Amino acid sequence: MGKKQVDDSYFDKWNPDTDYKKHPELYRIGRGQQGVLICEPYKSKICAEWRFKTVREAQVSSQNILAMFYEYICDGDFVGADMAKKFLHMGFTRARRYANHRDGRKYDVNGSILPQEPDAMTCEKADSARIFYACWKEARENEKYLDMKKEHKRKYESR
C-alpha cells in the first residue's frame, strides 16, 4: 500500500502557482484537508504556526490558527478561513496518527495496518489531538463561516 500517489487532476483544482488571496474565484473547497498544502499565500502563513508535538505547542498553535480563522472571517476572506479550518483539522488528524503510531507509519511493508500503540488514547499526542479537535469543531460549526461557504459554492463552484 504505502504512500498514496496524487492524481494529476488534483492540480486542476489547486494550483501552487495561483495566489488565492487575489483569485478566490479559483479556489475549490474540496473534501477534508484537500488543497491545504498547496493554496498560497495561506499555506505559508498558517503552516508557520502549525505545531502539535507537545500539548503546549498544540495549545499555542491551535489558538493562533483559530485566531487567524476569525481574522479571515472578519475580513470576509472565505478562502483564508477555510484554509485555517483545514489546518486545524490536519492538526487533529496528524496528532492522532502519531498517537496511534509513534513513528507515523500506519502500514507495514505488506500494506497491513500496524497495531495501535497501547497508550494511543492517553499519550501526549492524543491530548494534542483533542486540543486541535475542539478548535476544528468550533471553526467548522461557525455560522458566519458556514454562510460564507454556501456563498462561495453558489458563486464559484456551481458553474
N, C-alpha and C. Protein backbone atom coordinates (compact mmCIF):
# COMPACT_ATOMS: atom_id res chain seq x y z
N MET A 1 0.84 -1.19 0.00
CA MET A 1 0.00 0.00 0.00
C MET A 1 0.88 1.25 0.00
N GLY A 2 1.48 1.62 1.13
CA GLY A 2 2.42 2.74 1.19
C GLY A 2 1.77 4.09 0.96
N LYS A 3 2.57 4.99 0.36
CA LYS A 3 2.12 6.36 0.11
C LYS A 3 1.12 6.43 -1.03
N LYS A 4 0.10 7.26 -0.85
CA LYS A 4 -0.86 7.49 -1.92
C LYS A 4 -0.20 8.40 -2.95
N GLN A 5 -0.44 8.11 -4.19
CA GLN A 5 0.04 8.97 -5.26
C GLN A 5 -1.05 10.01 -5.56
N VAL A 6 -0.63 11.22 -5.86
CA VAL A 6 -1.58 12.27 -6.19
C VAL A 6 -1.88 12.21 -7.67
N ASP A 7 -3.14 12.11 -7.99
CA ASP A 7 -3.61 12.09 -9.37
C ASP A 7 -3.38 13.48 -9.99
N ASP A 8 -3.05 13.54 -11.28
CA ASP A 8 -2.81 14.82 -11.96
C ASP A 8 -4.02 15.75 -11.89
N SER A 9 -5.23 15.20 -11.83
CA SER A 9 -6.43 16.03 -11.78
C SER A 9 -6.51 16.84 -10.47
N TYR A 10 -5.76 16.41 -9.47
CA TYR A 10 -5.71 17.15 -8.19
C TYR A 10 -5.25 18.58 -8.44
N PHE A 11 -4.29 18.75 -9.34
CA PHE A 11 -3.75 20.07 -9.62
C PHE A 11 -4.63 20.89 -10.55
N ASP A 12 -5.71 20.27 -11.06
CA ASP A 12 -6.72 21.04 -11.79
C ASP A 12 -7.55 21.85 -10.81
N LYS A 13 -7.67 21.33 -9.58
CA LYS A 13 -8.45 22.02 -8.55
C LYS A 13 -7.61 23.05 -7.81
N TRP A 14 -6.35 22.72 -7.51
CA TRP A 14 -5.48 23.60 -6.73
C TRP A 14 -4.14 23.72 -7.43
N ASN A 15 -3.77 24.96 -7.70
CA ASN A 15 -2.54 25.21 -8.43
C ASN A 15 -1.57 25.93 -7.51
N PRO A 16 -0.39 25.37 -7.28
CA PRO A 16 0.58 26.01 -6.38
C PRO A 16 1.08 27.37 -6.88
N ASP A 17 0.85 27.67 -8.16
CA ASP A 17 1.29 28.95 -8.72
C ASP A 17 0.22 30.04 -8.63
N THR A 18 -0.95 29.70 -8.13
CA THR A 18 -2.05 30.66 -8.02
C THR A 18 -2.01 31.35 -6.67
N ASP A 19 -2.24 32.66 -6.68
CA ASP A 19 -2.40 33.43 -5.44
C ASP A 19 -3.90 33.47 -5.16
N TYR A 20 -4.33 32.64 -4.21
CA TYR A 20 -5.77 32.51 -3.93
C TYR A 20 -6.34 33.69 -3.17
N LYS A 21 -5.48 34.52 -2.60
CA LYS A 21 -5.98 35.75 -1.97
C LYS A 21 -6.43 36.71 -3.07
N LYS A 22 -5.65 36.77 -4.14
CA LYS A 22 -6.01 37.64 -5.27
C LYS A 22 -7.09 37.02 -6.15
N HIS A 23 -7.16 35.69 -6.15
CA HIS A 23 -8.10 34.99 -7.03
C HIS A 23 -8.94 33.95 -6.27
N PRO A 24 -9.79 34.42 -5.34
CA PRO A 24 -10.61 33.48 -4.57
C PRO A 24 -11.58 32.70 -5.46
N GLU A 25 -11.91 33.25 -6.61
CA GLU A 25 -12.83 32.56 -7.52
C GLU A 25 -12.25 31.25 -8.06
N LEU A 26 -10.93 31.09 -7.97
CA LEU A 26 -10.28 29.86 -8.45
C LEU A 26 -10.19 28.78 -7.37
N TYR A 27 -10.51 29.16 -6.13
CA TYR A 27 -10.39 28.22 -5.01
C TYR A 27 -11.55 27.23 -5.01
N ARG A 28 -11.22 25.95 -4.88
CA ARG A 28 -12.21 24.89 -4.75
C ARG A 28 -12.12 24.34 -3.33
N ILE A 29 -13.24 24.18 -2.69
CA ILE A 29 -13.27 23.78 -1.28
C ILE A 29 -12.72 22.37 -1.09
N GLY A 30 -13.16 21.43 -1.87
CA GLY A 30 -12.66 20.05 -1.76
C GLY A 30 -13.17 19.37 -0.50
N ARG A 31 -12.64 18.18 -0.27
CA ARG A 31 -13.05 17.38 0.89
C ARG A 31 -11.93 17.36 1.91
N GLY A 32 -12.31 17.38 3.17
CA GLY A 32 -11.32 17.25 4.24
C GLY A 32 -10.20 18.27 4.14
N GLN A 33 -8.99 17.78 4.00
CA GLN A 33 -7.80 18.64 4.00
C GLN A 33 -7.26 18.90 2.60
N GLN A 34 -8.03 18.55 1.58
CA GLN A 34 -7.55 18.73 0.21
C GLN A 34 -7.14 20.17 -0.05
N GLY A 35 -6.00 20.34 -0.70
CA GLY A 35 -5.51 21.65 -1.09
C GLY A 35 -4.76 22.39 -0.01
N VAL A 36 -4.76 21.86 1.21
CA VAL A 36 -4.20 22.60 2.35
C VAL A 36 -2.71 22.89 2.19
N LEU A 37 -1.97 22.03 1.54
CA LEU A 37 -0.53 22.25 1.39
C LEU A 37 -0.16 22.81 0.02
N ILE A 38 -1.15 23.40 -0.65
CA ILE A 38 -0.91 23.98 -1.97
C ILE A 38 -1.28 25.46 -2.02
N CYS A 39 -2.41 25.82 -1.46
CA CYS A 39 -3.01 27.14 -1.69
C CYS A 39 -2.28 28.26 -0.97
N GLU A 40 -1.60 29.06 -1.76
CA GLU A 40 -0.85 30.21 -1.26
C GLU A 40 -1.69 31.47 -1.39
N PRO A 41 -1.46 32.48 -0.61
CA PRO A 41 -0.40 32.66 0.38
C PRO A 41 -0.74 32.06 1.75
N TYR A 42 -1.91 31.45 1.82
CA TYR A 42 -2.40 30.93 3.11
C TYR A 42 -1.54 29.81 3.66
N LYS A 43 -1.14 28.88 2.79
CA LYS A 43 -0.36 27.73 3.24
C LYS A 43 0.85 28.17 4.03
N SER A 44 1.64 29.08 3.48
CA SER A 44 2.87 29.50 4.15
C SER A 44 2.61 30.23 5.45
N LYS A 45 1.60 31.09 5.45
CA LYS A 45 1.30 31.87 6.65
C LYS A 45 0.78 30.98 7.78
N ILE A 46 -0.16 30.12 7.47
CA ILE A 46 -0.77 29.28 8.52
C ILE A 46 0.19 28.16 8.93
N CYS A 47 0.88 27.58 7.97
CA CYS A 47 1.80 26.47 8.26
C CYS A 47 2.91 26.91 9.24
N ALA A 48 3.29 28.17 9.16
CA ALA A 48 4.32 28.70 10.07
C ALA A 48 3.88 28.62 11.54
N GLU A 49 2.58 28.54 11.78
CA GLU A 49 2.03 28.47 13.14
C GLU A 49 1.68 27.05 13.56
N TRP A 50 1.73 26.10 12.65
CA TRP A 50 1.18 24.77 12.86
C TRP A 50 2.15 23.85 13.59
N ARG A 51 1.83 23.49 14.85
CA ARG A 51 2.66 22.59 15.67
C ARG A 51 1.76 21.71 16.53
N PHE A 52 2.16 20.46 16.72
CA PHE A 52 1.36 19.57 17.55
C PHE A 52 2.20 18.60 18.37
N LYS A 53 3.52 18.77 18.37
CA LYS A 53 4.41 17.80 19.02
C LYS A 53 4.15 17.65 20.52
N THR A 54 3.92 18.76 21.20
CA THR A 54 3.63 18.72 22.63
C THR A 54 2.27 19.38 22.88
N VAL A 55 1.74 19.14 24.05
CA VAL A 55 0.46 19.74 24.41
C VAL A 55 0.57 21.26 24.39
N ARG A 56 1.64 21.79 24.93
CA ARG A 56 1.82 23.25 24.95
C ARG A 56 1.88 23.81 23.53
N GLU A 57 2.63 23.15 22.65
CA GLU A 57 2.70 23.60 21.26
C GLU A 57 1.33 23.52 20.60
N ALA A 58 0.59 22.46 20.88
CA ALA A 58 -0.75 22.31 20.30
C ALA A 58 -1.69 23.41 20.81
N GLN A 59 -1.58 23.74 22.08
CA GLN A 59 -2.42 24.81 22.64
C GLN A 59 -2.14 26.14 21.94
N VAL A 60 -0.87 26.50 21.88
CA VAL A 60 -0.48 27.78 21.26
C VAL A 60 -0.84 27.78 19.78
N SER A 61 -0.46 26.72 19.10
CA SER A 61 -0.69 26.62 17.66
C SER A 61 -2.17 26.68 17.31
N SER A 62 -2.97 25.86 17.96
CA SER A 62 -4.39 25.81 17.64
C SER A 62 -5.07 27.15 17.92
N GLN A 63 -4.67 27.81 19.00
CA GLN A 63 -5.26 29.12 19.31
C GLN A 63 -4.82 30.19 18.30
N ASN A 64 -3.57 30.14 17.89
CA ASN A 64 -3.09 31.09 16.87
C ASN A 64 -3.82 30.88 15.54
N ILE A 65 -3.99 29.63 15.16
CA ILE A 65 -4.67 29.34 13.89
C ILE A 65 -6.15 29.67 14.00
N LEU A 66 -6.77 29.40 15.14
CA LEU A 66 -8.17 29.77 15.33
C LEU A 66 -8.33 31.29 15.28
N ALA A 67 -7.39 32.01 15.84
CA ALA A 67 -7.43 33.49 15.77
C ALA A 67 -7.32 33.94 14.31
N MET A 68 -6.46 33.28 13.54
CA MET A 68 -6.35 33.60 12.11
C MET A 68 -7.68 33.32 11.41
N PHE A 69 -8.30 32.20 11.76
CA PHE A 69 -9.61 31.85 11.21
C PHE A 69 -10.59 33.01 11.42
N TYR A 70 -10.65 33.52 12.66
CA TYR A 70 -11.58 34.61 12.95
C TYR A 70 -11.18 35.91 12.26
N GLU A 71 -9.91 36.16 12.10
CA GLU A 71 -9.47 37.35 11.34
C GLU A 71 -9.93 37.25 9.90
N TYR A 72 -9.76 36.07 9.30
CA TYR A 72 -10.22 35.88 7.92
C TYR A 72 -11.73 36.06 7.82
N ILE A 73 -12.46 35.54 8.80
CA ILE A 73 -13.93 35.71 8.81
C ILE A 73 -14.26 37.20 8.85
N CYS A 74 -13.63 37.92 9.77
CA CYS A 74 -13.88 39.37 9.91
C CYS A 74 -13.54 40.14 8.64
N ASP A 75 -12.52 39.67 7.93
CA ASP A 75 -12.09 40.32 6.68
C ASP A 75 -12.93 39.89 5.48
N GLY A 76 -13.86 38.95 5.70
CA GLY A 76 -14.67 38.45 4.60
C GLY A 76 -13.87 37.56 3.65
N ASP A 77 -12.80 36.98 4.14
CA ASP A 77 -11.90 36.15 3.33
C ASP A 77 -12.22 34.68 3.58
N PHE A 78 -13.16 34.14 2.77
CA PHE A 78 -13.56 32.76 2.95
C PHE A 78 -12.40 31.78 2.73
N VAL A 79 -11.60 32.01 1.71
CA VAL A 79 -10.52 31.08 1.40
C VAL A 79 -9.57 30.96 2.59
N GLY A 80 -9.19 32.09 3.18
CA GLY A 80 -8.32 32.06 4.35
C GLY A 80 -8.96 31.32 5.51
N ALA A 81 -10.25 31.57 5.74
CA ALA A 81 -10.96 30.89 6.83
C ALA A 81 -11.01 29.39 6.57
N ASP A 82 -11.29 29.00 5.35
CA ASP A 82 -11.36 27.58 5.02
C ASP A 82 -9.99 26.91 5.18
N MET A 83 -8.95 27.59 4.77
CA MET A 83 -7.60 27.04 4.92
C MET A 83 -7.23 26.92 6.40
N ALA A 84 -7.56 27.91 7.21
CA ALA A 84 -7.27 27.83 8.65
C ALA A 84 -8.03 26.65 9.26
N LYS A 85 -9.28 26.49 8.87
CA LYS A 85 -10.07 25.35 9.36
C LYS A 85 -9.42 24.03 8.96
N LYS A 86 -8.92 23.97 7.74
CA LYS A 86 -8.26 22.74 7.27
C LYS A 86 -6.97 22.45 8.05
N PHE A 87 -6.23 23.50 8.42
CA PHE A 87 -5.02 23.28 9.23
C PHE A 87 -5.38 22.79 10.63
N LEU A 88 -6.49 23.27 11.17
CA LEU A 88 -6.95 22.76 12.47
C LEU A 88 -7.32 21.28 12.35
N HIS A 89 -8.00 20.94 11.26
CA HIS A 89 -8.35 19.54 11.01
C HIS A 89 -7.08 18.69 10.87
N MET A 90 -6.11 19.22 10.13
CA MET A 90 -4.87 18.49 9.92
C MET A 90 -4.09 18.34 11.24
N GLY A 91 -4.15 19.33 12.12
CA GLY A 91 -3.53 19.20 13.43
C GLY A 91 -4.12 18.04 14.20
N PHE A 92 -5.43 17.92 14.13
CA PHE A 92 -6.12 16.81 14.79
C PHE A 92 -5.70 15.46 14.18
N THR A 93 -5.78 15.35 12.85
CA THR A 93 -5.50 14.05 12.23
C THR A 93 -4.04 13.65 12.35
N ARG A 94 -3.13 14.60 12.23
CA ARG A 94 -1.70 14.25 12.34
C ARG A 94 -1.34 13.88 13.77
N ALA A 95 -1.86 14.60 14.73
CA ALA A 95 -1.58 14.25 16.13
C ALA A 95 -2.15 12.86 16.44
N ARG A 96 -3.35 12.56 15.93
CA ARG A 96 -3.93 11.23 16.13
C ARG A 96 -3.05 10.16 15.48
N ARG A 97 -2.54 10.46 14.28
CA ARG A 97 -1.69 9.49 13.58
C ARG A 97 -0.49 9.11 14.45
N TYR A 98 0.17 10.15 15.04
CA TYR A 98 1.35 9.88 15.87
C TYR A 98 0.98 9.31 17.24
N ALA A 99 -0.22 9.56 17.70
CA ALA A 99 -0.68 8.91 18.93
C ALA A 99 -0.88 7.42 18.66
N ASN A 100 -1.43 7.11 17.51
CA ASN A 100 -1.69 5.72 17.14
C ASN A 100 -0.43 4.95 16.77
N HIS A 101 0.51 5.65 16.12
CA HIS A 101 1.73 5.02 15.60
C HIS A 101 2.90 5.99 15.82
N ARG A 102 3.70 5.75 16.80
CA ARG A 102 4.77 6.68 17.21
C ARG A 102 5.65 7.16 16.05
N ASP A 103 5.95 6.24 15.11
CA ASP A 103 6.82 6.63 14.00
C ASP A 103 6.03 7.23 12.83
N GLY A 104 4.73 7.31 12.98
CA GLY A 104 3.89 7.89 11.94
C GLY A 104 3.51 6.91 10.83
N ARG A 105 4.08 5.72 10.86
CA ARG A 105 3.78 4.71 9.83
C ARG A 105 2.58 3.88 10.25
N LYS A 106 1.53 3.95 9.46
CA LYS A 106 0.30 3.23 9.75
C LYS A 106 0.32 1.81 9.17
N TYR A 107 1.08 1.62 8.07
CA TYR A 107 1.09 0.33 7.37
C TYR A 107 2.46 -0.33 7.42
N ASP A 108 2.46 -1.67 7.43
CA ASP A 108 3.73 -2.40 7.32
C ASP A 108 4.09 -2.55 5.84
N VAL A 109 5.19 -3.22 5.55
CA VAL A 109 5.66 -3.35 4.17
C VAL A 109 4.68 -4.12 3.28
N ASN A 110 3.81 -4.92 3.87
CA ASN A 110 2.82 -5.68 3.11
C ASN A 110 1.50 -4.92 2.92
N GLY A 111 1.42 -3.71 3.49
CA GLY A 111 0.20 -2.92 3.36
C GLY A 111 -0.83 -3.19 4.45
N SER A 112 -0.47 -4.00 5.42
CA SER A 112 -1.39 -4.27 6.54
C SER A 112 -1.27 -3.15 7.57
N ILE A 113 -2.37 -2.84 8.21
CA ILE A 113 -2.36 -1.80 9.24
C ILE A 113 -1.61 -2.31 10.46
N LEU A 114 -0.68 -1.50 10.93
CA LEU A 114 0.09 -1.84 12.13
C LEU A 114 -0.78 -1.66 13.37
N PRO A 115 -0.49 -2.39 14.43
CA PRO A 115 -1.29 -2.22 15.66
C PRO A 115 -1.12 -0.83 16.27
N GLN A 116 -2.17 -0.38 16.90
CA GLN A 116 -2.17 0.91 17.58
C GLN A 116 -1.30 0.81 18.84
N GLU A 117 -0.68 1.93 19.20
CA GLU A 117 0.12 1.98 20.43
C GLU A 117 -0.80 1.72 21.63
N PRO A 118 -0.29 1.05 22.67
CA PRO A 118 -1.12 0.74 23.85
C PRO A 118 -1.69 2.00 24.53
N ASP A 119 -0.95 3.11 24.49
CA ASP A 119 -1.41 4.34 25.14
C ASP A 119 -1.93 5.37 24.14
N ALA A 120 -2.43 4.90 23.00
CA ALA A 120 -2.86 5.79 21.92
C ALA A 120 -3.93 6.79 22.33
N MET A 121 -4.71 6.48 23.34
CA MET A 121 -5.78 7.39 23.76
C MET A 121 -5.40 8.26 24.94
N THR A 122 -4.23 8.02 25.52
CA THR A 122 -3.84 8.76 26.73
C THR A 122 -2.50 9.48 26.62
N CYS A 123 -1.76 9.26 25.55
CA CYS A 123 -0.43 9.86 25.42
C CYS A 123 -0.54 11.36 25.09
N GLU A 124 0.61 12.02 25.08
CA GLU A 124 0.63 13.46 24.82
C GLU A 124 0.07 13.81 23.45
N LYS A 125 0.35 13.01 22.43
CA LYS A 125 -0.19 13.29 21.09
C LYS A 125 -1.72 13.18 21.09
N ALA A 126 -2.27 12.28 21.87
CA ALA A 126 -3.72 12.16 21.98
C ALA A 126 -4.30 13.45 22.58
N ASP A 127 -3.61 13.99 23.58
CA ASP A 127 -4.04 15.27 24.17
C ASP A 127 -3.94 16.39 23.14
N SER A 128 -2.87 16.40 22.37
CA SER A 128 -2.71 17.40 21.31
C SER A 128 -3.85 17.29 20.31
N ALA A 129 -4.20 16.07 19.95
CA ALA A 129 -5.30 15.84 19.01
C ALA A 129 -6.62 16.40 19.56
N ARG A 130 -6.88 16.17 20.84
CA ARG A 130 -8.12 16.68 21.44
C ARG A 130 -8.17 18.22 21.40
N ILE A 131 -7.03 18.84 21.61
CA ILE A 131 -6.95 20.31 21.57
C ILE A 131 -7.30 20.81 20.17
N PHE A 132 -6.67 20.21 19.16
CA PHE A 132 -6.96 20.63 17.78
C PHE A 132 -8.40 20.30 17.40
N TYR A 133 -8.90 19.17 17.86
CA TYR A 133 -10.27 18.78 17.52
C TYR A 133 -11.27 19.83 18.00
N ALA A 134 -11.10 20.31 19.22
CA ALA A 134 -12.03 21.31 19.77
C ALA A 134 -12.02 22.58 18.92
N CYS A 135 -10.85 23.02 18.50
CA CYS A 135 -10.75 24.24 17.68
C CYS A 135 -11.32 24.00 16.28
N TRP A 136 -11.03 22.83 15.73
CA TRP A 136 -11.55 22.48 14.40
C TRP A 136 -13.08 22.46 14.43
N LYS A 137 -13.64 21.86 15.48
CA LYS A 137 -15.10 21.79 15.63
C LYS A 137 -15.70 23.20 15.73
N GLU A 138 -15.06 24.06 16.51
CA GLU A 138 -15.53 25.44 16.64
C GLU A 138 -15.53 26.14 15.28
N ALA A 139 -14.47 25.97 14.53
CA ALA A 139 -14.36 26.62 13.22
C ALA A 139 -15.39 26.06 12.24
N ARG A 140 -15.49 24.76 12.15
CA ARG A 140 -16.37 24.17 11.13
C ARG A 140 -17.84 24.39 11.42
N GLU A 141 -18.19 24.71 12.67
CA GLU A 141 -19.59 24.95 13.02
C GLU A 141 -19.92 26.44 13.11
N ASN A 142 -18.95 27.30 12.86
CA ASN A 142 -19.15 28.74 12.94
C ASN A 142 -20.19 29.18 11.89
N GLU A 143 -21.24 29.85 12.34
CA GLU A 143 -22.35 30.24 11.45
C GLU A 143 -21.90 31.13 10.31
N LYS A 144 -21.08 32.12 10.61
CA LYS A 144 -20.60 33.04 9.56
C LYS A 144 -19.78 32.27 8.53
N TYR A 145 -18.92 31.37 9.01
CA TYR A 145 -18.12 30.54 8.10
C TYR A 145 -19.05 29.71 7.20
N LEU A 146 -20.06 29.09 7.78
CA LEU A 146 -20.98 28.26 7.00
C LEU A 146 -21.73 29.08 5.95
N ASP A 147 -22.11 30.32 6.31
CA ASP A 147 -22.76 31.21 5.34
C ASP A 147 -21.79 31.57 4.21
N MET A 148 -20.53 31.87 4.57
CA MET A 148 -19.53 32.21 3.57
C MET A 148 -19.25 31.02 2.65
N LYS A 149 -19.25 29.84 3.21
CA LYS A 149 -19.01 28.62 2.43
C LYS A 149 -20.13 28.42 1.40
N LYS A 150 -21.37 28.58 1.86
CA LYS A 150 -22.52 28.46 0.95
C LYS A 150 -22.42 29.47 -0.19
N GLU A 151 -22.08 30.70 0.17
CA GLU A 151 -21.96 31.76 -0.83
C GLU A 151 -20.83 31.47 -1.82
N HIS A 152 -19.71 30.98 -1.32
CA HIS A 152 -18.59 30.65 -2.22
C HIS A 152 -19.00 29.55 -3.20
N LYS A 153 -19.67 28.55 -2.70
CA LYS A 153 -20.13 27.46 -3.58
C LYS A 153 -21.12 27.98 -4.61
N ARG A 154 -22.07 28.80 -4.15
CA ARG A 154 -23.07 29.35 -5.06
C ARG A 154 -22.42 30.19 -6.15
N LYS A 155 -21.49 31.01 -5.75
CA LYS A 155 -20.88 31.98 -6.66
C LYS A 155 -19.86 31.36 -7.60
N TYR A 156 -19.04 30.44 -7.09
CA TYR A 156 -17.90 29.97 -7.88
C TYR A 156 -17.90 28.49 -8.24
N GLU A 157 -18.62 27.67 -7.50
CA GLU A 157 -18.48 26.24 -7.75
C GLU A 157 -19.70 25.63 -8.43
N SER A 158 -20.70 26.44 -8.71
CA SER A 158 -21.90 25.88 -9.33
C SER A 158 -21.86 26.04 -10.85
N ARG A 159 -20.68 26.42 -11.36
CA ARG A 159 -20.56 26.62 -12.83
C ARG A 159 -20.52 25.31 -13.56
